[in-house]
Amino acid sequence: MPSMKGDCGGAAAILNAFYVAVKAGFKENLHAVLCLAENSVGPLSTRPDDVITMYSGKSVEVNNTDAEGRLVLGDGVAYAKKDLGASIIVDMATLTGAQGIATGKYHAAILTNSEAWEGYARKAGNACGELTFPIVFAPELHFSQFNSPIADMKNSVADRENALASCAGLFIMSHIGFDFPGLFVHIDMASPVSISERATGYGVGLLNTMFGHYSSNEMLKSLSPITEYLPD
């Protein structure tokens, strides 16, 4: 596990973005759900071939114990939908090494069920300097990568050369359903989270700029790509 400190980068960004948003006078109902996994060996550790039941009620066959982040994130988004009643769900995580292959070291990968929000995320990234680029959203083509003969899904793909970063985001979204009527945005920032083993703080500026329209802060409002309130 040496050098894996950066794997907390997504939760760190969410926590600090939440702090900034509240301090800047966020005007809507806002929750931060921190999805944390302890990578530790012990008698309660997840094992290969375990079948677990997620908070969504769906079962998962564990075929890759290193794909642990998506398990807690799947529970997190399900909690946001079921318990918090969220109509906009954004997850941010250092989820895959494949993100760096797909969008490089400087651009986070954006997977969303909204074409408009692909554009909002890109514009917000350009405005604040925390860059983003969309990746393919095609659950009808890619979610079959998780097929399992004994559970609703596996937690890792069958073909590691087929849109890995997109598939990882789809695994998370599957726990709120691909028919989720609200907005889902998945941000994989595994590469931009650090430079030379030092954290960049990536994500705090991006999230506050993306949702700046809902802030009382005039600078954030001026930078936000959203120009009007979105419907619930």
Protein backbone atom coordinates (compact mmCIF):
# COMPACT_ATOMS: atom_id res chain seq x y z
CA MET A 1 0.00 0.00 0.00
CA PRO A 2 2.92 2.49 -0.03
CA SER A 3 2.20 5.59 -2.14
CA MET A 4 -1.57 4.98 -2.02
CA LYS A 5 -2.27 8.05 0.13
CA GLY A 6 -3.74 9.73 -2.93
CA ASP A 7 -6.58 7.23 -3.04
CA CYS A 8 -8.44 9.37 -0.50
CA GLY A 9 -8.38 12.23 -3.01
CA GLY A 10 -12.00 11.91 -4.06
CA ALA A 11 -13.39 11.95 -0.52
CA ALA A 12 -10.97 14.74 0.41
CA ALA A 13 -12.20 16.81 -2.53
CA ILE A 14 -15.85 16.22 -1.62
CA LEU A 15 -15.27 17.16 2.02
CA ASN A 16 -13.39 20.35 1.20
CA ALA A 17 -15.73 21.32 -1.66
CA PHE A 18 -18.62 20.94 0.79
CA TYR A 19 -16.80 23.18 3.30
CA VAL A 20 -16.18 25.86 0.68
CA ALA A 21 -19.75 25.67 -0.65
CA VAL A 22 -21.23 26.14 2.82
CA LYS A 23 -18.84 28.98 3.68
CA ALA A 24 -19.67 30.68 0.37
CA GLY A 25 -23.40 30.54 1.10
CA PHE A 26 -24.78 27.62 -0.90
CA LYS A 27 -28.50 28.26 -1.29
CA GLU A 28 -29.87 24.77 -1.91
CA ASN A 29 -30.13 21.56 0.11
CA LEU A 30 -26.63 20.05 0.00
CA HIS A 31 -25.22 16.81 1.43
CA ALA A 32 -21.71 15.34 1.43
CA VAL A 33 -21.53 11.54 1.69
CA LEU A 34 -18.00 10.26 2.27
CA CYS A 35 -17.56 6.71 0.93
CA LEU A 36 -14.50 5.29 2.68
CA ALA A 37 -12.78 1.91 2.40
CA GLU A 38 -9.98 0.66 4.64
CA ASN A 39 -7.47 -1.37 2.64
CA SER A 40 -6.41 -3.73 5.40
CA VAL A 41 -5.85 -7.46 5.76
CA GLY A 42 -7.96 -9.12 8.43
CA PRO A 43 -10.62 -11.75 9.13
CA LEU A 44 -13.39 -9.42 7.90
CA SER A 45 -11.64 -8.45 4.66
CA THR A 46 -13.45 -8.99 1.37
CA ARG A 47 -12.23 -12.16 -0.35
CA PRO A 48 -12.26 -13.26 -3.99
CA ASP A 49 -15.54 -15.03 -4.83
CA ASP A 50 -17.44 -13.44 -1.93
CA VAL A 51 -21.01 -12.47 -2.82
CA ILE A 52 -22.21 -9.39 -0.98
CA THR A 53 -25.55 -7.59 -0.90
CA MET A 54 -25.27 -3.88 -1.51
CA TYR A 55 -27.38 -1.17 0.13
CA SER A 56 -29.32 -0.98 -3.14
CA GLY A 57 -30.41 -4.58 -2.58
CA LYS A 58 -28.39 -5.83 -5.54
CA SER A 59 -25.90 -8.68 -5.12
CA VAL A 60 -22.28 -8.44 -6.23
CA GLU A 61 -19.81 -11.26 -6.85
CA VAL A 62 -16.34 -10.02 -5.89
CA ASN A 63 -13.93 -11.03 -8.64
CA ASN A 64 -11.42 -8.26 -7.88
CA THR A 65 -10.67 -7.23 -4.30
CA ASP A 66 -8.75 -4.18 -5.58
CA ALA A 67 -12.02 -2.82 -7.01
CA GLU A 68 -13.18 -1.92 -3.51
CA GLY A 69 -13.85 1.78 -4.00
CA ARG A 70 -16.78 1.19 -6.31
CA LEU A 71 -18.43 -1.00 -3.67
CA VAL A 72 -18.61 1.79 -1.09
CA LEU A 73 -19.48 4.33 -3.80
CA GLY A 74 -22.35 2.13 -4.95
CA ASP A 75 -23.68 2.16 -1.39
CA GLY A 76 -23.12 5.91 -1.18
CA VAL A 77 -25.15 6.82 -4.24
CA ALA A 78 -27.90 4.39 -3.19
CA TYR A 79 -28.03 6.13 0.19
CA ALA A 80 -28.20 9.54 -1.53
CA LYS A 81 -31.17 8.37 -3.58
CA LYS A 82 -33.08 6.33 -0.97
CA ASP A 83 -32.43 8.22 2.26
CA LEU A 84 -31.60 11.76 1.16
CA GLY A 85 -33.98 11.94 -1.80
CA ALA A 86 -31.31 13.58 -3.94
CA SER A 87 -32.28 14.60 -7.48
CA ILE A 88 -28.68 15.50 -8.38
CA ILE A 89 -26.02 12.94 -7.44
CA VAL A 90 -22.34 13.63 -8.10
CA ASP A 91 -19.61 11.18 -7.13
CA MET A 92 -15.93 11.99 -7.30
CA ALA A 93 -13.23 9.36 -6.84
CA THR A 94 -9.74 8.22 -7.77
CA LEU A 95 -11.47 5.20 -9.20
CA THR A 96 -9.38 3.75 -12.04
CA GLY A 97 -5.92 3.81 -13.52
CA ALA A 98 -7.80 3.61 -16.81
CA GLN A 99 -8.88 7.23 -16.34
CA GLY A 100 -5.32 8.34 -17.04
CA ILE A 101 -5.30 6.27 -20.23
CA ALA A 102 -8.67 7.65 -21.35
CA THR A 103 -8.31 11.36 -20.56
CA GLY A 104 -4.71 11.86 -19.44
CA LYS A 105 -2.96 13.30 -16.42
CA TYR A 106 -4.66 16.69 -16.36
CA HIS A 107 -8.30 16.05 -17.32
CA ALA A 108 -10.68 14.16 -15.05
CA ALA A 109 -13.09 11.80 -16.81
CA ILE A 110 -16.77 12.76 -16.74
CA LEU A 111 -19.48 10.10 -17.10
CA THR A 112 -23.04 11.40 -16.93
CA ASN A 113 -26.57 10.65 -18.05
CA SER A 114 -26.90 14.25 -19.26
CA GLU A 115 -25.30 15.51 -22.45
CA ALA A 116 -25.78 19.08 -21.23
CA TRP A 117 -23.79 18.33 -18.08
CA GLU A 118 -20.89 16.99 -20.13
CA GLY A 119 -20.66 20.54 -21.44
CA TYR A 120 -21.18 22.18 -18.04
CA ALA A 121 -18.38 20.12 -16.53
CA ARG A 122 -16.02 20.95 -19.37
CA LYS A 123 -16.78 24.68 -19.17
CA ALA A 124 -16.46 24.72 -15.38
CA GLY A 125 -13.11 22.95 -15.63
CA ASN A 126 -11.83 25.45 -18.17
CA ALA A 127 -12.98 28.34 -15.98
CA CYS A 128 -11.30 27.14 -12.76
CA GLY A 129 -8.30 25.29 -14.21
CA GLU A 130 -9.39 21.82 -13.04
CA LEU A 131 -9.93 20.28 -16.46
CA THR A 132 -12.42 17.60 -17.48
CA PHE A 133 -13.31 15.57 -20.55
CA PRO A 134 -16.36 13.31 -21.13
CA ILE A 135 -16.12 9.55 -21.53
CA VAL A 136 -18.62 7.21 -23.17
CA PHE A 137 -21.95 6.72 -21.41
CA ALA A 138 -23.48 3.58 -22.95
CA PRO A 139 -24.86 1.20 -20.30
CA GLU A 140 -26.68 -0.75 -22.99
CA LEU A 141 -23.30 -1.66 -24.50
CA HIS A 142 -20.95 -1.83 -21.54
CA PHE A 143 -22.78 -3.00 -18.41
CA SER A 144 -22.81 -6.60 -19.64
CA GLN A 145 -19.09 -6.57 -18.78
CA PHE A 146 -20.19 -7.21 -15.18
CA ASN A 147 -22.38 -10.25 -15.89
CA SER A 148 -22.26 -12.90 -13.15
CA PRO A 149 -23.81 -16.39 -13.13
CA ILE A 150 -24.49 -16.23 -9.38
CA ALA A 151 -25.19 -12.56 -8.58
CA ASP A 152 -26.70 -9.45 -10.12
CA MET A 153 -23.22 -8.39 -11.20
CA LYS A 154 -19.50 -8.82 -10.64
CA ASN A 155 -17.44 -5.89 -9.38
CA SER A 156 -14.87 -5.96 -12.18
CA VAL A 157 -15.11 -6.31 -15.93
CA ALA A 158 -14.63 -9.34 -18.15
CA ASP A 159 -12.72 -7.46 -20.86
CA ARG A 160 -10.05 -5.09 -19.58
CA GLU A 161 -9.65 -3.51 -23.03
CA ASN A 162 -13.23 -2.24 -23.30
CA ALA A 163 -13.93 1.25 -21.86
CA LEU A 164 -12.70 0.48 -18.34
CA ALA A 165 -13.22 3.98 -16.94
CA SER A 166 -16.76 4.11 -18.31
CA CYS A 167 -17.58 0.65 -16.99
CA ALA A 168 -16.43 1.57 -13.48
CA GLY A 169 -18.73 4.58 -13.45
CA LEU A 170 -21.61 2.46 -14.73
CA PHE A 171 -21.10 0.00 -11.87
CA ILE A 172 -21.69 2.86 -9.43
CA MET A 173 -24.73 4.19 -11.29
CA SER A 174 -26.30 0.74 -11.46
CA HIS A 175 -27.08 1.04 -7.75
CA ILE A 176 -29.46 3.94 -8.38
CA GLY A 177 -30.65 2.45 -11.68
CA PHE A 178 -29.94 3.52 -15.23
CA ASP A 179 -33.51 4.84 -15.34
CA PHE A 180 -32.74 7.31 -12.51
CA PRO A 181 -34.87 10.35 -13.42
CA GLY A 182 -32.46 12.85 -11.90
CA LEU A 183 -28.92 13.89 -12.78
CA PHE A 184 -25.98 11.55 -12.22
CA VAL A 185 -22.41 12.77 -12.70
CA HIS A 186 -19.41 10.52 -12.08
CA ILE A 187 -15.99 12.20 -11.89
CA ASP A 188 -12.93 9.95 -12.04
CA MET A 189 -9.90 12.05 -11.11
CA ALA A 190 -7.32 9.36 -10.41
CA SER A 191 -4.56 11.08 -12.39
CA PRO A 192 -5.17 14.82 -11.71
CA VAL A 193 -5.33 14.17 -7.95
CA SER A 194 -1.56 14.28 -7.55
CA ILE A 195 1.76 15.32 -9.06
CA SER A 196 4.95 13.60 -7.91
CA GLU A 197 3.24 12.08 -4.86
CA ARG A 198 1.92 15.47 -3.73
CA ALA A 199 -1.79 16.26 -3.71
CA THR A 200 -3.09 18.90 -6.13
CA GLY A 201 -6.38 19.55 -4.32
CA TYR A 202 -8.21 18.74 -7.53
CA GLY A 203 -11.99 18.83 -7.32
CA VAL A 204 -12.68 21.61 -4.83
CA GLY A 205 -12.62 24.34 -7.45
CA LEU A 206 -14.36 22.22 -10.07
CA LEU A 207 -17.38 21.35 -7.94
CA ASN A 208 -17.84 24.87 -6.61
CA THR A 209 -17.57 26.29 -10.11
CA MET A 210 -19.95 23.71 -11.61
CA PHE A 211 -22.59 24.58 -9.02
CA GLY A 212 -21.63 28.23 -8.55
CA HIS A 213 -25.04 29.37 -9.73
CA TYR A 214 -26.45 28.09 -6.44
CA SER A 215 -23.91 30.04 -4.37
CA SER A 216 -24.20 33.45 -2.73
CA ASN A 217 -20.62 34.13 -3.77
CA GLU A 218 -20.54 36.49 -6.74
CA MET A 219 -17.26 35.15 -8.13
CA LEU A 220 -18.52 31.57 -8.16
CA LYS A 221 -21.81 32.69 -9.71
CA SER A 222 -19.94 34.51 -12.48
CA LEU A 223 -17.78 31.46 -13.26
CA SER A 224 -20.59 28.91 -13.24
CA PRO A 225 -21.60 27.49 -16.63
CA ILE A 226 -25.19 27.22 -15.38
CA THR A 227 -27.19 30.37 -15.97
CA GLU A 228 -30.55 29.38 -14.48
CA TYR A 229 -31.94 27.13 -11.79
CA LEU A 230 -32.39 23.56 -12.87
CA PRO A 231 -35.74 21.82 -12.39
CA ASP A 232 -35.99 19.31 -9.53
